[in-house]
Amino acid sequence: MAALLIPRRNRGMRTRLGCLSHKSDSYNDFTAILPDKPNRALKRLSTEEATRWADSFDVLLSHKYGLAAFRAFLKTEFSEENLEFWLACEDFKKTRSAAKLATKAQRIFEEFIDVQAPREVNIDFQTRELTRRNVQEPSLSCFDQAQGKVHSLMEKDSYPRFLRSKIYTDLLSQTQRRLS
């Protein structure tokens, strides 16, 4: 009897997971999270700027709308924690108060690095342990290795998929249509 329940339970779980896998990857999802009002923002975004995002991952990250588009894409892949961690590290490096440094370091560690963290990033054991030791006596560079690994992961994995995504290709088409 118990053996009959397991497949049924698995089927229900597959159905629930299947619903989650129907993720949106559209241009409209991107416009919903733009830093400005979508129409005004898109009028400001040129085809050349959007095309330049394909030049390098760092060019994409340095552009306000590129960052927003990449974030929207990562949300469709349920992996926005990588970008959020990278951004938290960038913000952390700007910290000037020693008291705030320790507090921010602990918060970032607990949110992204610690095992079973709410938004745990995928890093190897050695990097996790090095970061754990670094946070004990925080410095502006205590997350450098972990941030570098996450940056590299996004650059080699998520970034190429973003460039092929419907979000990016629709955005390029939209900016080109404005020129016509």
N, C-alpha and C. Protein backbone atom coordinates (compact mmCIF):
# COMPACT_ATOMS: atom_id res chain seq x y z
N MET A 1 0.83 -1.20 0.00
CA MET A 1 0.00 0.00 0.00
C MET A 1 0.87 1.25 0.00
N ALA A 2 1.91 1.29 0.85
CA ALA A 2 2.79 2.45 0.92
C ALA A 2 3.50 2.68 -0.41
N ALA A 3 3.83 1.57 -1.10
CA ALA A 3 4.52 1.70 -2.39
C ALA A 3 3.62 2.39 -3.42
N LEU A 4 2.31 2.21 -3.31
CA LEU A 4 1.39 2.86 -4.23
C LEU A 4 1.29 4.36 -3.96
N LEU A 5 1.46 4.77 -2.74
CA LEU A 5 1.37 6.18 -2.38
C LEU A 5 2.57 6.98 -2.87
N ILE A 6 3.72 6.35 -2.89
CA ILE A 6 4.94 7.07 -3.28
C ILE A 6 4.86 7.58 -4.71
N PRO A 7 4.50 6.76 -5.70
CA PRO A 7 4.41 7.31 -7.06
C PRO A 7 3.40 8.45 -7.16
N ARG A 8 2.25 8.31 -6.47
CA ARG A 8 1.26 9.37 -6.51
C ARG A 8 1.83 10.66 -5.93
N ARG A 9 2.50 10.56 -4.81
CA ARG A 9 3.11 11.72 -4.17
C ARG A 9 4.17 12.32 -5.09
N ASN A 10 4.95 11.46 -5.74
CA ASN A 10 5.97 11.95 -6.68
C ASN A 10 5.33 12.66 -7.86
N ARG A 11 4.21 12.11 -8.35
CA ARG A 11 3.51 12.73 -9.46
C ARG A 11 3.03 14.13 -9.06
N GLY A 12 2.49 14.26 -7.86
CA GLY A 12 2.03 15.56 -7.37
C GLY A 12 3.19 16.54 -7.26
N MET A 13 4.31 16.04 -6.79
CA MET A 13 5.50 16.90 -6.66
C MET A 13 5.99 17.31 -8.04
N ARG A 14 5.98 16.37 -8.98
CA ARG A 14 6.41 16.70 -10.35
C ARG A 14 5.50 17.77 -10.95
N THR A 15 4.19 17.65 -10.67
CA THR A 15 3.25 18.64 -11.18
C THR A 15 3.56 20.01 -10.59
N ARG A 16 3.78 20.06 -9.28
CA ARG A 16 4.10 21.34 -8.63
C ARG A 16 5.40 21.91 -9.16
N LEU A 17 6.40 21.06 -9.31
CA LEU A 17 7.68 21.52 -9.83
C LEU A 17 7.56 21.94 -11.29
N GLY A 18 6.72 21.24 -12.03
CA GLY A 18 6.49 21.59 -13.43
C GLY A 18 5.91 22.99 -13.56
N CYS A 19 5.02 23.35 -12.64
CA CYS A 19 4.45 24.70 -12.66
C CYS A 19 5.54 25.74 -12.43
N LEU A 20 6.45 25.44 -11.54
CA LEU A 20 7.55 26.37 -11.27
C LEU A 20 8.48 26.50 -12.47
N SER A 21 8.62 25.42 -13.22
CA SER A 21 9.56 25.47 -14.34
C SER A 21 9.05 26.28 -15.51
N HIS A 22 7.76 26.61 -15.52
CA HIS A 22 7.22 27.46 -16.59
C HIS A 22 7.54 28.89 -16.27
N LYS A 23 8.80 29.21 -16.41
CA LYS A 23 9.26 30.54 -16.04
C LYS A 23 9.14 31.47 -17.23
N SER A 24 8.92 32.70 -16.91
CA SER A 24 8.77 33.70 -17.96
C SER A 24 10.15 34.20 -18.36
N ASP A 25 10.32 34.48 -19.62
CA ASP A 25 11.60 34.97 -20.13
C ASP A 25 11.29 36.03 -21.18
N SER A 26 10.47 36.99 -20.80
CA SER A 26 10.04 37.93 -21.81
C SER A 26 10.53 39.34 -21.56
N TYR A 27 10.48 40.10 -22.60
CA TYR A 27 10.85 41.50 -22.58
C TYR A 27 9.98 42.26 -21.58
N ASN A 28 8.70 41.91 -21.47
CA ASN A 28 7.81 42.60 -20.54
C ASN A 28 8.25 42.42 -19.10
N ASP A 29 8.78 41.26 -18.76
CA ASP A 29 9.27 41.04 -17.41
C ASP A 29 10.44 41.97 -17.11
N PHE A 30 11.25 42.23 -18.10
CA PHE A 30 12.38 43.14 -17.93
C PHE A 30 11.89 44.56 -17.68
N THR A 31 10.91 45.01 -18.46
CA THR A 31 10.47 46.39 -18.33
C THR A 31 9.83 46.65 -16.97
N ALA A 32 9.29 45.62 -16.35
CA ALA A 32 8.64 45.79 -15.05
C ALA A 32 9.64 46.16 -13.95
N ILE A 33 10.91 45.83 -14.12
CA ILE A 33 11.87 46.11 -13.05
C ILE A 33 12.89 47.17 -13.43
N LEU A 34 12.66 47.87 -14.51
CA LEU A 34 13.58 48.93 -14.89
C LEU A 34 13.67 49.99 -13.81
N PRO A 35 14.85 50.59 -13.63
CA PRO A 35 15.02 51.60 -12.59
C PRO A 35 14.11 52.82 -12.78
N ASP A 36 13.81 53.18 -14.01
CA ASP A 36 12.92 54.30 -14.30
C ASP A 36 11.61 53.75 -14.83
N LYS A 37 10.72 54.64 -15.22
CA LYS A 37 9.50 54.17 -15.88
C LYS A 37 9.92 53.49 -17.17
N PRO A 38 9.37 52.30 -17.47
CA PRO A 38 9.82 51.52 -18.62
C PRO A 38 9.90 52.28 -19.93
N ASN A 39 8.85 53.00 -20.30
CA ASN A 39 8.87 53.68 -21.60
C ASN A 39 9.95 54.75 -21.67
N ARG A 40 10.09 55.52 -20.60
CA ARG A 40 11.11 56.56 -20.57
C ARG A 40 12.51 55.93 -20.60
N ALA A 41 12.68 54.86 -19.85
CA ALA A 41 13.98 54.20 -19.82
C ALA A 41 14.36 53.66 -21.19
N LEU A 42 13.40 53.03 -21.86
CA LEU A 42 13.70 52.45 -23.17
C LEU A 42 13.97 53.52 -24.21
N LYS A 43 13.38 54.69 -24.06
CA LYS A 43 13.67 55.78 -24.98
C LYS A 43 15.10 56.26 -24.81
N ARG A 44 15.61 56.16 -23.59
CA ARG A 44 16.99 56.57 -23.30
C ARG A 44 18.01 55.52 -23.73
N LEU A 45 17.60 54.26 -23.78
CA LEU A 45 18.52 53.18 -24.11
C LEU A 45 18.69 53.09 -25.62
N SER A 46 19.91 53.23 -26.07
CA SER A 46 20.17 53.14 -27.51
C SER A 46 20.53 51.70 -27.88
N THR A 47 20.36 51.40 -29.15
CA THR A 47 20.73 50.08 -29.66
C THR A 47 22.22 49.84 -29.43
N GLU A 48 23.03 50.90 -29.63
CA GLU A 48 24.48 50.77 -29.44
C GLU A 48 24.82 50.38 -28.01
N GLU A 49 24.14 51.01 -27.04
CA GLU A 49 24.40 50.68 -25.64
C GLU A 49 24.03 49.23 -25.35
N ALA A 50 22.85 48.83 -25.76
CA ALA A 50 22.40 47.46 -25.52
C ALA A 50 23.28 46.45 -26.24
N THR A 51 23.75 46.80 -27.44
CA THR A 51 24.64 45.92 -28.18
C THR A 51 25.99 45.79 -27.48
N ARG A 52 26.44 46.88 -26.87
CA ARG A 52 27.73 46.87 -26.16
C ARG A 52 27.74 45.90 -24.98
N TRP A 53 26.57 45.58 -24.44
CA TRP A 53 26.51 44.63 -23.33
C TRP A 53 27.09 43.28 -23.73
N ALA A 54 27.06 42.98 -25.02
CA ALA A 54 27.61 41.71 -25.50
C ALA A 54 29.13 41.75 -25.60
N ASP A 55 29.73 42.94 -25.49
CA ASP A 55 31.20 43.06 -25.57
C ASP A 55 31.88 42.36 -24.41
N SER A 56 31.34 42.56 -23.21
CA SER A 56 31.92 41.90 -22.04
C SER A 56 30.93 41.92 -20.89
N PHE A 57 31.11 40.99 -20.00
CA PHE A 57 30.25 40.89 -18.83
C PHE A 57 30.36 42.14 -17.96
N ASP A 58 31.57 42.67 -17.84
CA ASP A 58 31.77 43.86 -17.00
C ASP A 58 31.10 45.09 -17.60
N VAL A 59 31.03 45.17 -18.92
CA VAL A 59 30.30 46.28 -19.56
C VAL A 59 28.82 46.17 -19.19
N LEU A 60 28.28 44.97 -19.24
CA LEU A 60 26.88 44.75 -18.87
C LEU A 60 26.64 45.18 -17.42
N LEU A 61 27.51 44.75 -16.51
CA LEU A 61 27.33 45.06 -15.09
C LEU A 61 27.47 46.54 -14.78
N SER A 62 28.21 47.26 -15.60
CA SER A 62 28.44 48.67 -15.33
C SER A 62 27.33 49.58 -15.86
N HIS A 63 26.40 49.02 -16.61
CA HIS A 63 25.32 49.81 -17.20
C HIS A 63 24.04 49.60 -16.40
N LYS A 64 23.39 50.69 -15.99
CA LYS A 64 22.19 50.62 -15.15
C LYS A 64 21.12 49.70 -15.75
N TYR A 65 20.82 49.88 -17.03
CA TYR A 65 19.77 49.07 -17.65
C TYR A 65 20.28 47.66 -17.97
N GLY A 66 21.56 47.52 -18.24
CA GLY A 66 22.14 46.20 -18.45
C GLY A 66 22.02 45.36 -17.19
N LEU A 67 22.34 45.99 -16.06
CA LEU A 67 22.24 45.32 -14.77
C LEU A 67 20.79 44.91 -14.49
N ALA A 68 19.85 45.81 -14.79
CA ALA A 68 18.42 45.51 -14.58
C ALA A 68 17.96 44.36 -15.47
N ALA A 69 18.40 44.36 -16.72
CA ALA A 69 18.01 43.29 -17.64
C ALA A 69 18.60 41.95 -17.20
N PHE A 70 19.87 41.98 -16.77
CA PHE A 70 20.53 40.75 -16.32
C PHE A 70 19.85 40.23 -15.06
N ARG A 71 19.48 41.12 -14.15
CA ARG A 71 18.78 40.72 -12.92
C ARG A 71 17.45 40.06 -13.28
N ALA A 72 16.71 40.66 -14.21
CA ALA A 72 15.42 40.08 -14.64
C ALA A 72 15.64 38.69 -15.21
N PHE A 73 16.69 38.53 -16.01
CA PHE A 73 17.00 37.22 -16.58
C PHE A 73 17.33 36.21 -15.48
N LEU A 74 18.17 36.60 -14.52
CA LEU A 74 18.54 35.68 -13.44
C LEU A 74 17.33 35.26 -12.62
N LYS A 75 16.37 36.16 -12.47
CA LYS A 75 15.14 35.80 -11.75
C LYS A 75 14.40 34.71 -12.48
N THR A 76 14.41 34.74 -13.81
CA THR A 76 13.73 33.68 -14.56
C THR A 76 14.43 32.34 -14.38
N GLU A 77 15.71 32.38 -14.03
CA GLU A 77 16.48 31.16 -13.81
C GLU A 77 16.59 30.80 -12.32
N PHE A 78 15.93 31.58 -11.49
CA PHE A 78 15.97 31.37 -10.04
C PHE A 78 17.41 31.40 -9.51
N SER A 79 18.23 32.29 -10.05
CA SER A 79 19.62 32.37 -9.59
C SER A 79 20.08 33.81 -9.35
N GLU A 80 19.16 34.68 -8.98
CA GLU A 80 19.53 36.07 -8.77
C GLU A 80 20.40 36.27 -7.55
N GLU A 81 20.51 35.25 -6.69
CA GLU A 81 21.37 35.38 -5.50
C GLU A 81 22.83 35.64 -5.89
N ASN A 82 23.25 35.12 -7.03
CA ASN A 82 24.63 35.35 -7.46
C ASN A 82 24.89 36.84 -7.70
N LEU A 83 24.01 37.48 -8.42
CA LEU A 83 24.15 38.91 -8.69
C LEU A 83 23.98 39.71 -7.41
N GLU A 84 23.02 39.34 -6.58
CA GLU A 84 22.79 40.06 -5.33
C GLU A 84 24.03 39.98 -4.43
N PHE A 85 24.67 38.82 -4.39
CA PHE A 85 25.91 38.68 -3.60
C PHE A 85 27.00 39.56 -4.18
N TRP A 86 27.17 39.53 -5.49
CA TRP A 86 28.21 40.33 -6.14
C TRP A 86 27.98 41.82 -5.83
N LEU A 87 26.74 42.27 -5.93
CA LEU A 87 26.41 43.67 -5.65
C LEU A 87 26.63 44.00 -4.17
N ALA A 88 26.28 43.08 -3.28
CA ALA A 88 26.51 43.30 -1.84
C ALA A 88 28.00 43.46 -1.56
N CYS A 89 28.84 42.68 -2.26
CA CYS A 89 30.29 42.80 -2.10
C CYS A 89 30.80 44.14 -2.62
N GLU A 90 30.26 44.58 -3.74
CA GLU A 90 30.64 45.88 -4.29
C GLU A 90 30.29 47.00 -3.31
N ASP A 91 29.12 46.91 -2.72
CA ASP A 91 28.70 47.90 -1.73
C ASP A 91 29.58 47.81 -0.48
N PHE A 92 29.89 46.59 -0.06
CA PHE A 92 30.73 46.35 1.12
C PHE A 92 32.10 47.03 0.97
N LYS A 93 32.65 46.97 -0.22
CA LYS A 93 33.98 47.56 -0.47
C LYS A 93 33.99 49.08 -0.31
N LYS A 94 32.82 49.69 -0.33
CA LYS A 94 32.71 51.14 -0.18
C LYS A 94 32.55 51.56 1.29
N THR A 95 32.48 50.59 2.19
CA THR A 95 32.27 50.86 3.61
C THR A 95 33.51 51.51 4.20
N ARG A 96 33.31 52.59 4.92
CA ARG A 96 34.44 53.31 5.51
C ARG A 96 34.50 53.19 7.03
N SER A 97 33.39 52.84 7.66
CA SER A 97 33.34 52.73 9.11
C SER A 97 33.72 51.32 9.55
N ALA A 98 34.69 51.21 10.47
CA ALA A 98 35.12 49.90 10.96
C ALA A 98 33.98 49.16 11.65
N ALA A 99 33.14 49.90 12.37
CA ALA A 99 32.00 49.27 13.06
C ALA A 99 31.01 48.69 12.05
N LYS A 100 30.73 49.44 11.00
CA LYS A 100 29.81 48.96 9.97
C LYS A 100 30.41 47.81 9.18
N LEU A 101 31.72 47.81 9.02
CA LEU A 101 32.40 46.76 8.26
C LEU A 101 32.11 45.38 8.86
N ALA A 102 32.26 45.26 10.17
CA ALA A 102 32.03 43.98 10.84
C ALA A 102 30.57 43.56 10.72
N THR A 103 29.65 44.49 10.90
CA THR A 103 28.22 44.19 10.82
C THR A 103 27.83 43.77 9.41
N LYS A 104 28.29 44.52 8.42
CA LYS A 104 27.97 44.19 7.02
C LYS A 104 28.58 42.85 6.63
N ALA A 105 29.82 42.61 7.05
CA ALA A 105 30.49 41.35 6.70
C ALA A 105 29.70 40.16 7.25
N GLN A 106 29.26 40.26 8.48
CA GLN A 106 28.50 39.17 9.10
C GLN A 106 27.17 38.96 8.38
N ARG A 107 26.49 40.06 8.03
CA ARG A 107 25.21 39.97 7.34
C ARG A 107 25.38 39.30 5.98
N ILE A 108 26.40 39.71 5.22
CA ILE A 108 26.65 39.12 3.89
C ILE A 108 26.98 37.64 4.04
N PHE A 109 27.82 37.31 5.02
CA PHE A 109 28.19 35.91 5.23
C PHE A 109 26.96 35.07 5.54
N GLU A 110 26.13 35.55 6.46
CA GLU A 110 24.94 34.79 6.87
C GLU A 110 23.90 34.69 5.76
N GLU A 111 23.83 35.69 4.91
CA GLU A 111 22.82 35.69 3.85
C GLU A 111 23.22 34.90 2.62
N PHE A 112 24.55 34.88 2.30
CA PHE A 112 24.97 34.30 1.03
C PHE A 112 26.01 33.17 1.12
N ILE A 113 26.85 33.17 2.14
CA ILE A 113 27.99 32.25 2.16
C ILE A 113 27.78 31.04 3.06
N ASP A 114 27.25 31.26 4.24
CA ASP A 114 27.10 30.20 5.22
C ASP A 114 26.31 29.03 4.62
N VAL A 115 26.63 27.83 5.07
CA VAL A 115 25.90 26.65 4.62
C VAL A 115 24.44 26.82 5.03
N GLN A 116 23.53 26.56 4.12
CA GLN A 116 22.09 26.72 4.33
C GLN A 116 21.67 28.19 4.49
N ALA A 117 22.49 29.11 3.98
CA ALA A 117 22.12 30.52 4.00
C ALA A 117 20.85 30.70 3.17
N PRO A 118 20.02 31.69 3.49
CA PRO A 118 18.77 31.88 2.74
C PRO A 118 18.98 32.06 1.24
N ARG A 119 20.06 32.72 0.85
CA ARG A 119 20.34 32.92 -0.58
C ARG A 119 21.77 32.44 -0.88
N GLU A 120 22.04 31.22 -0.47
CA GLU A 120 23.38 30.64 -0.57
C GLU A 120 23.88 30.60 -2.02
N VAL A 121 25.10 31.11 -2.22
CA VAL A 121 25.73 31.05 -3.53
C VAL A 121 26.53 29.76 -3.62
N ASN A 122 26.76 29.32 -4.84
CA ASN A 122 27.44 28.06 -5.08
C ASN A 122 28.94 28.29 -5.18
N ILE A 123 29.63 28.07 -4.05
CA ILE A 123 31.10 28.17 -4.03
C ILE A 123 31.66 26.91 -3.39
N ASP A 124 32.93 26.64 -3.67
CA ASP A 124 33.55 25.43 -3.14
C ASP A 124 33.84 25.56 -1.64
N PHE A 125 34.08 24.43 -1.02
CA PHE A 125 34.32 24.36 0.43
C PHE A 125 35.50 25.22 0.86
N GLN A 126 36.61 25.16 0.12
CA GLN A 126 37.79 25.93 0.49
C GLN A 126 37.51 27.44 0.49
N THR A 127 36.80 27.91 -0.51
CA THR A 127 36.47 29.34 -0.59
C THR A 127 35.53 29.72 0.54
N ARG A 128 34.57 28.86 0.84
CA ARG A 128 33.63 29.12 1.93
C ARG A 128 34.38 29.23 3.26
N GLU A 129 35.31 28.30 3.50
CA GLU A 129 36.05 28.31 4.76
C GLU A 129 37.02 29.50 4.85
N LEU A 130 37.66 29.83 3.74
CA LEU A 130 38.53 31.01 3.74
C LEU A 130 37.72 32.26 4.05
N THR A 131 36.55 32.37 3.45
CA THR A 131 35.69 33.53 3.69
C THR A 131 35.22 33.55 5.14
N ARG A 132 34.90 32.38 5.68
CA ARG A 132 34.50 32.30 7.10
C ARG A 132 35.61 32.86 7.99
N ARG A 133 36.86 32.46 7.72
CA ARG A 133 38.00 32.97 8.52
C ARG A 133 38.19 34.47 8.30
N ASN A 134 38.06 34.92 7.06
CA ASN A 134 38.23 36.34 6.75
C ASN A 134 37.21 37.22 7.47
N VAL A 135 36.00 36.72 7.61
CA VAL A 135 34.93 37.51 8.24
C VAL A 135 35.18 37.67 9.74
N GLN A 136 35.98 36.77 10.32
CA GLN A 136 36.29 36.89 11.76
C GLN A 136 37.02 38.21 12.05
N GLU A 137 37.87 38.62 11.12
CA GLU A 137 38.57 39.92 11.20
C GLU A 137 38.39 40.60 9.85
N PRO A 138 37.21 41.19 9.65
CA PRO A 138 36.86 41.69 8.32
C PRO A 138 37.74 42.83 7.82
N SER A 139 37.99 42.78 6.53
CA SER A 139 38.67 43.86 5.82
C SER A 139 37.87 44.08 4.54
N LEU A 140 38.20 45.13 3.81
CA LEU A 140 37.47 45.42 2.57
C LEU A 140 37.63 44.30 1.54
N SER A 141 38.64 43.46 1.72
CA SER A 141 38.90 42.40 0.74
C SER A 141 38.48 41.01 1.24
N CYS A 142 37.75 40.92 2.34
CA CYS A 142 37.46 39.60 2.91
C CYS A 142 36.56 38.72 2.03
N PHE A 143 35.83 39.31 1.11
CA PHE A 143 34.96 38.52 0.22
C PHE A 143 35.55 38.39 -1.19
N ASP A 144 36.74 38.90 -1.42
CA ASP A 144 37.29 38.95 -2.77
C ASP A 144 37.31 37.60 -3.48
N GLN A 145 37.77 36.56 -2.81
CA GLN A 145 37.85 35.26 -3.48
C GLN A 145 36.46 34.73 -3.81
N ALA A 146 35.55 34.80 -2.86
CA ALA A 146 34.19 34.32 -3.10
C ALA A 146 33.52 35.15 -4.19
N GLN A 147 33.70 36.46 -4.14
CA GLN A 147 33.10 37.33 -5.15
C GLN A 147 33.68 37.01 -6.53
N GLY A 148 34.97 36.77 -6.59
CA GLY A 148 35.61 36.41 -7.86
C GLY A 148 35.06 35.11 -8.43
N LYS A 149 34.85 34.13 -7.57
CA LYS A 149 34.30 32.84 -8.03
C LYS A 149 32.88 33.02 -8.57
N VAL A 150 32.07 33.81 -7.87
CA VAL A 150 30.69 34.03 -8.30
C VAL A 150 30.67 34.84 -9.60
N HIS A 151 31.54 35.83 -9.70
CA HIS A 151 31.64 36.63 -10.93
C HIS A 151 32.00 35.72 -12.11
N SER A 152 32.99 34.87 -11.89
CA SER A 152 33.43 33.95 -12.93
C SER A 152 32.30 32.98 -13.33
N LEU A 153 31.57 32.48 -12.35
CA LEU A 153 30.45 31.58 -12.62
C LEU A 153 29.39 32.28 -13.47
N MET A 154 29.04 33.52 -13.09
CA MET A 154 28.03 34.25 -13.86
C MET A 154 28.55 34.54 -15.27
N GLU A 155 29.82 34.92 -15.37
CA GLU A 155 30.39 35.28 -16.67
C GLU A 155 30.44 34.09 -17.62
N LYS A 156 30.78 32.91 -17.09
CA LYS A 156 30.93 31.73 -17.94
C LYS A 156 29.62 30.98 -18.17
N ASP A 157 28.67 31.15 -17.25
CA ASP A 157 27.46 30.35 -17.32
C ASP A 157 26.22 31.20 -17.64
N SER A 158 25.87 32.12 -16.76
CA SER A 158 24.63 32.90 -16.93
C SER A 158 24.72 33.94 -18.04
N TYR A 159 25.85 34.62 -18.15
CA TYR A 159 26.00 35.69 -19.13
C TYR A 159 25.80 35.21 -20.57
N PRO A 160 26.43 34.11 -21.00
CA PRO A 160 26.17 33.64 -22.37
C PRO A 160 24.69 33.28 -22.61
N ARG A 161 24.05 32.70 -21.59
CA ARG A 161 22.62 32.39 -21.73
C ARG A 161 21.79 33.66 -21.79
N PHE A 162 22.19 34.68 -21.03
CA PHE A 162 21.49 35.97 -21.08
C PHE A 162 21.55 36.54 -22.49
N LEU A 163 22.72 36.49 -23.11
CA LEU A 163 22.88 37.05 -24.45
C LEU A 163 22.01 36.33 -25.48
N ARG A 164 21.65 35.08 -25.21
CA ARG A 164 20.78 34.31 -26.11
C ARG A 164 19.32 34.37 -25.68
N SER A 165 19.05 35.00 -24.54
CA SER A 165 17.71 34.98 -23.95
C SER A 165 16.73 35.85 -24.71
N LYS A 166 15.48 35.55 -24.52
CA LYS A 166 14.39 36.34 -25.10
C LYS A 166 14.39 37.75 -24.51
N ILE A 167 14.73 37.89 -23.27
CA ILE A 167 14.79 39.23 -22.65
C ILE A 167 15.74 40.12 -23.44
N TYR A 168 16.94 39.62 -23.69
CA TYR A 168 17.94 40.44 -24.37
C TYR A 168 17.60 40.63 -25.85
N THR A 169 17.22 39.57 -26.52
CA THR A 169 16.93 39.70 -27.96
C THR A 169 15.70 40.58 -28.19
N ASP A 170 14.69 40.47 -27.33
CA ASP A 170 13.51 41.34 -27.45
C ASP A 170 13.89 42.80 -27.18
N LEU A 171 14.74 43.01 -26.21
CA LEU A 171 15.18 44.36 -25.88
C LEU A 171 15.92 44.99 -27.07
N LEU A 172 16.82 44.24 -27.67
CA LEU A 172 17.53 44.73 -28.86
C LEU A 172 16.54 45.06 -29.98
N SER A 173 15.60 44.17 -30.20
CA SER A 173 14.60 44.41 -31.25
C SER A 173 13.80 45.66 -30.96
N GLN A 174 13.44 45.85 -29.72
CA GLN A 174 12.66 47.03 -29.33
C GLN A 174 13.45 48.31 -29.58
N THR A 175 14.73 48.33 -29.22
CA THR A 175 15.53 49.54 -29.45
C THR A 175 15.74 49.79 -30.95
N GLN A 176 15.86 48.72 -31.73
CA GLN A 176 16.04 48.87 -33.19
C GLN A 176 14.75 49.35 -33.85
N ARG A 177 13.60 48.91 -33.34
CA ARG A 177 12.32 49.33 -33.90
C ARG A 177 12.12 50.85 -33.73
N ARG A 178 12.61 51.37 -32.66
CA ARG A 178 12.47 52.82 -32.42
C ARG A 178 13.20 53.62 -33.49
N LEU A 179 14.27 53.04 -34.04
CA LEU A 179 15.04 53.73 -35.07
C LEU A 179 14.33 53.72 -36.43
N SER A 180 13.46 52.74 -36.62
CA SER A 180 12.79 52.59 -37.92
C SER A 180 11.72 53.63 -38.12
